[in-house]
Amino acid sequence: MSKESAGLRVAVLPGGCSGFRYSLNIEEQPAADDVVIESAGVRLFVDEFSSQYLNGTVIDYKSNFQESGFAFENRMPPAVAAAIVVHGLSVDPS
C-alpha cells in the first residue's frame, strides 16, 4: 500500500436500527467516482451516495479518559441526523 495513494474511506451505508450507519475503512486508492478530500495530512475517500449525508459533518478522533475513537459531529437537520447510527449508538441530533 502506497502512502501517496492510500486513504480512509468514510461512507454512510444503509442498515442499522435507524436506517443508516457510518463505515470507516483504509483503502489503497480511491474509486474513479470518489470525492477525495485531503485534510491535516489525511486523505479521505467519499462516494457520491455518502457525500449527501456527510456534507457539513466534522470528523474528529478523540482519545481521553472517557472515550477513544472517531467522533462524527453531524450538522444536518435533526430529522436526517437522527436516522444515522454510529457503531450501534444513535447520533445525538442536538
Protein backbone atom coordinates (compact mmCIF):
# COMPACT_ATOMS: atom_id res chain seq x y z
CA MET A 1 0.00 0.00 0.00
CA SER A 2 1.42 3.34 -1.06
CA LYS A 3 1.23 6.33 1.27
CA GLU A 4 0.65 8.57 -1.74
CA SER A 5 -2.48 6.76 -2.95
CA ALA A 6 -3.95 5.23 0.24
CA GLY A 7 -6.66 6.87 2.29
CA LEU A 8 -9.54 6.47 4.70
CA ARG A 9 -12.90 5.64 3.14
CA VAL A 10 -15.74 7.33 5.01
CA ALA A 11 -19.15 6.02 3.99
CA VAL A 12 -22.77 6.11 5.04
CA LEU A 13 -24.32 2.69 4.47
CA PRO A 14 -27.93 1.51 4.54
CA GLY A 15 -28.63 -0.62 7.61
CA GLY A 16 -28.62 -0.36 11.36
CA CYS A 17 -31.68 0.02 13.54
CA SER A 18 -32.27 3.63 12.48
CA GLY A 19 -31.67 3.25 8.75
CA PHE A 20 -28.00 4.24 8.23
CA ARG A 21 -24.57 3.69 9.76
CA TYR A 22 -21.08 5.09 9.27
CA SER A 23 -18.31 2.91 7.88
CA LEU A 24 -14.53 3.56 8.03
CA ASN A 25 -12.02 1.52 6.02
CA ILE A 26 -8.44 2.01 4.93
CA GLU A 27 -8.15 1.59 1.15
CA GLU A 28 -5.24 1.52 -1.28
CA GLN A 29 -6.75 4.06 -3.67
CA PRO A 30 -9.98 5.93 -4.37
CA ALA A 31 -12.63 4.67 -6.77
CA ALA A 32 -12.93 6.55 -10.06
CA ASP A 33 -16.04 8.47 -8.93
CA ASP A 34 -14.94 9.21 -5.34
CA VAL A 35 -14.55 12.69 -3.91
CA VAL A 36 -11.03 12.88 -2.45
CA ILE A 37 -10.53 15.27 0.45
CA GLU A 38 -7.13 15.95 1.99
CA SER A 39 -7.12 17.42 5.48
CA ALA A 40 -4.41 17.51 8.16
CA GLY A 41 -2.30 15.05 6.17
CA VAL A 42 -5.13 12.50 5.83
CA ARG A 43 -6.77 11.53 2.55
CA LEU A 44 -10.49 10.78 2.76
CA PHE A 45 -12.42 8.92 0.06
CA VAL A 46 -16.17 9.57 -0.13
CA ASP A 47 -18.58 8.04 -2.64
CA GLU A 48 -21.42 10.03 -4.20
CA PHE A 49 -24.19 8.41 -2.11
CA SER A 50 -22.37 9.11 1.16
CA SER A 51 -21.41 12.67 0.26
CA GLN A 52 -25.04 13.85 0.51
CA TYR A 53 -25.17 12.68 4.14
CA LEU A 54 -21.64 13.71 5.12
CA ASN A 55 -21.82 17.25 3.76
CA GLY A 56 -21.01 19.56 6.66
CA THR A 57 -20.01 16.72 9.01
CA VAL A 58 -16.93 17.21 11.19
CA ILE A 59 -14.92 14.02 11.82
CA ASP A 60 -12.53 14.01 14.76
CA TYR A 61 -10.51 11.40 16.62
CA LYS A 62 -10.91 11.58 20.39
CA SER A 63 -8.65 9.91 22.90
CA ASN A 64 -9.10 10.73 26.55
CA PHE A 65 -10.08 9.15 29.86
CA GLN A 66 -13.73 8.72 28.89
CA GLU A 67 -13.59 7.86 25.20
CA SER A 68 -11.38 6.77 22.35
CA GLY A 69 -12.33 6.66 18.68
CA PHE A 70 -13.75 8.61 15.79
CA ALA A 71 -16.47 11.13 16.55
CA PHE A 72 -18.86 12.50 13.93
CA GLU A 73 -20.40 15.92 14.51
CA ASN A 74 -23.26 15.86 12.08
CA ARG A 75 -24.67 19.30 11.29
CA MET A 76 -27.60 18.04 9.22
CA PRO A 77 -31.21 18.78 10.16
CA PRO A 78 -32.24 16.70 13.21
CA ALA A 79 -34.69 14.53 11.27
CA VAL A 80 -31.89 13.33 8.97
CA ALA A 81 -29.16 13.14 11.63
CA ALA A 82 -31.32 11.03 13.93
CA ALA A 83 -31.52 8.35 11.24
CA ILE A 84 -27.75 7.73 11.19
CA VAL A 85 -26.14 5.21 13.54
CA VAL A 86 -22.50 5.21 14.66
CA HIS A 87 -21.19 1.88 15.96
CA GLY A 88 -24.69 0.96 17.14
CA LEU A 89 -25.26 4.24 19.01
CA SER A 90 -27.68 6.82 17.70
CA VAL A 91 -26.20 10.18 16.77
CA ASP A 92 -27.46 12.92 19.05
CA PRO A 93 -29.10 15.44 16.70
CA SER A 94 -28.76 18.35 19.14
